[in-house]
C-alpha atoms as a PDB file:
ATOM      1  CA  MET A   1      -0.068   0.018   0.007  1.00  0.00           C
ATOM      2  CA  LYS A   2       1.187   3.282  -0.884  1.00  0.00           C
ATOM      3  CA  VAL A   3       0.677   6.523   1.121  1.00  0.00           C
ATOM      4  CA  VAL A   4       0.664   9.680  -0.287  1.00  0.00           C
ATOM      5  CA  THR A   5       0.749  13.001   1.726  1.00  0.00           C
ATOM      6  CA  LEU A   6      -1.054  16.118   0.276  1.00  0.00           C
ATOM      7  CA  GLU A   7       0.699  19.386   0.802  1.00  0.00           C
ATOM      8  CA  THR A   8      -0.982  22.478   0.076  1.00  0.00           C
ATOM      9  CA  LYS A   9       0.751  25.312  -1.746  1.00  0.00           C
ATOM     10  CA  ASP A  10       1.244  27.470   1.427  1.00  0.00           C
ATOM     11  CA  GLN A  11       2.569  24.396   3.167  1.00  0.00           C
ATOM     12  CA  LYS A  12       5.100  23.814   0.318  1.00  0.00           C
ATOM     13  CA  ILE A  13       6.151  27.749   0.325  1.00  0.00           C
ATOM     14  CA  LYS A  14       6.479  27.777   4.184  1.00  0.00           C
ATOM     15  CA  LYS A  15       8.723  24.654   3.851  1.00  0.00           C
ATOM     16  CA  GLN A  16      10.811  26.119   1.320  1.00  0.00           C
ATOM     17  CA  ASP A  17      11.168  29.356   3.170  1.00  0.00           C
ATOM     18  CA  ARG A  18      12.237  27.263   6.224  1.00  0.00           C
ATOM     19  CA  ASP A  19      14.841  25.601   4.312  1.00  0.00           C
ATOM     20  CA  ASP A  20      16.069  28.723   2.740  1.00  0.00           C
ATOM     21  CA  PHE A  21      16.501  30.293   6.139  1.00  0.00           C
ATOM     22  CA  LEU A  22      18.136  27.196   7.710  1.00  0.00           C
ATOM     23  CA  GLU A  23      20.619  27.131   4.846  1.00  0.00           C
ATOM     24  CA  ILE A  24      21.507  30.862   5.642  1.00  0.00           C
ATOM     25  CA  ILE A  25      21.887  29.985   9.227  1.00  0.00           C
ATOM     26  CA  ASP A  26      24.042  27.008   8.521  1.00  0.00           C
ATOM     27  CA  THR A  27      26.251  29.082   6.223  1.00  0.00           C
ATOM     28  CA  PHE A  28      26.681  31.915   8.945  1.00  0.00           C
ATOM     29  CA  ARG A  29      27.422  29.294  11.680  1.00  0.00           C
ATOM     30  CA  GLU A  30      30.262  27.705   9.356  1.00  0.00           C
ATOM     31  CA  ARG A  31      31.715  31.179   8.837  1.00  0.00           C
ATOM     32  CA  PHE A  32      31.500  31.935  12.648  1.00  0.00           C
ATOM     33  CA  VAL A  33      33.131  28.541  13.507  1.00  0.00           C
ATOM     34  CA  ASN A  34      35.919  29.138  10.830  1.00  0.00           C
ATOM     35  CA  GLY A  35      36.698  32.453  12.436  1.00  0.00           C
ATOM     36  CA  GLU A  36      35.530  34.480   9.628  1.00  0.00           C
ATOM     37  CA  VAL A  37      33.055  36.482  11.751  1.00  0.00           C
ATOM     38  CA  ASN A  38      34.124  38.140  14.986  1.00  0.00           C
ATOM     39  CA  GLU A  39      31.089  40.328  15.673  1.00  0.00           C
ATOM     40  CA  PHE A  40      27.369  40.075  14.447  1.00  0.00           C
ATOM     41  CA  VAL A  41      23.831  41.262  14.822  1.00  0.00           C
ATOM     42  CA  ILE A  42      20.787  39.318  14.136  1.00  0.00           C
ATOM     43  CA  SER A  43      17.399  40.891  13.844  1.00  0.00           C
ATOM     44  CA  CYS A  44      14.078  39.005  13.570  1.00  0.00           C
ATOM     45  CA  LEU A  45      10.353  39.309  14.022  1.00  0.00           C
ATOM     46  CA  ASP A  46       8.315  36.560  15.523  1.00  0.00           C
ATOM     47  CA  GLU A  47       4.661  35.698  14.296  1.00  0.00           C
ATOM     48  CA  GLU A  48       3.222  38.322  16.357  1.00  0.00           C
ATOM     49  CA  GLY A  49       5.363  41.172  14.832  1.00  0.00           C
ATOM     50  CA  GLU A  50       7.514  41.454  18.018  1.00  0.00           C
ATOM     51  CA  ALA A  51      11.134  42.519  17.042  1.00  0.00           C
ATOM     52  CA  GLU A  52      14.228  40.617  18.574  1.00  0.00           C
ATOM     53  CA  ILE A  53      17.829  41.928  17.940  1.00  0.00           C
ATOM     54  CA  TYR A  54      20.642  39.904  19.131  1.00  0.00           C
ATOM     55  CA  ILE A  55      24.342  41.408  19.251  1.00  0.00           C
ATOM     56  CA  ALA A  56      27.639  40.014  19.716  1.00  0.00           C
ATOM     57  CA  SER A  57      30.253  42.662  19.779  1.00  0.00           C
ATOM     58  CA  GLN A  58      33.631  43.440  21.405  1.00  0.00           C
ATOM     59  CA  ASP A  59      32.791  46.743  22.775  1.00  0.00           C
ATOM     60  CA  LEU A  60      29.925  49.047  23.884  1.00  0.00           C
ATOM     61  CA  VAL A  61      30.529  51.534  20.817  1.00  0.00           C
ATOM     62  CA  GLY A  62      30.321  48.595  18.374  1.00  0.00           C
ATOM     63  CA  ALA A  63      27.324  47.161  19.964  1.00  0.00           C
ATOM     64  CA  VAL A  64      25.290  50.374  19.759  1.00  0.00           C
ATOM     65  CA  GLY A  65      26.262  50.776  16.113  1.00  0.00           C
ATOM     66  CA  MET A  66      25.341  47.212  15.367  1.00  0.00           C
ATOM     67  CA  PHE A  67      22.028  47.606  17.261  1.00  0.00           C
ATOM     68  CA  GLU A  68      21.112  50.473  15.078  1.00  0.00           C
ATOM     69  CA  LEU A  69      22.060  48.524  11.860  1.00  0.00           C
ATOM     70  CA  GLY A  70      19.735  45.731  13.203  1.00  0.00           C
ATOM     71  CA  LYS A  71      16.868  48.128  13.969  1.00  0.00           C
ATOM     72  CA  GLU A  72      17.326  49.714  10.432  1.00  0.00           C
ATOM     73  CA  ALA A  73      17.198  46.334   8.897  1.00  0.00           C
ATOM     74  CA  LEU A  74      13.775  45.679  10.464  1.00  0.00           C
ATOM     75  CA  LEU A  75      12.342  49.208   9.810  1.00  0.00           C
ATOM     76  CA  SER A  76      13.473  49.165   6.252  1.00  0.00           C
ATOM     77  CA  GLN A  77      11.063  46.131   5.589  1.00  0.00           C
ATOM     78  CA  TYR A  78       8.078  48.233   6.383  1.00  0.00           C
ATOM     79  CA  ARG A  79       8.972  51.192   4.104  1.00  0.00           C
END
């Protein structure tokens, strides 16, 4: 007996988006492990629209600048 699962178009798009995001994350992680990245900022939105900004910086001045970059990245999506 063969079992066939039916996916809607929305489910396929969400799965493809998830796979694309995971590829980006895996590539970034590899660059971090290899020492190519020393500081970073990650900004994201959850399903409810709440913003989160993660920063890894060597000093306060860099952290503030990176925070502003992360904030600008989020805000530019709405313009």
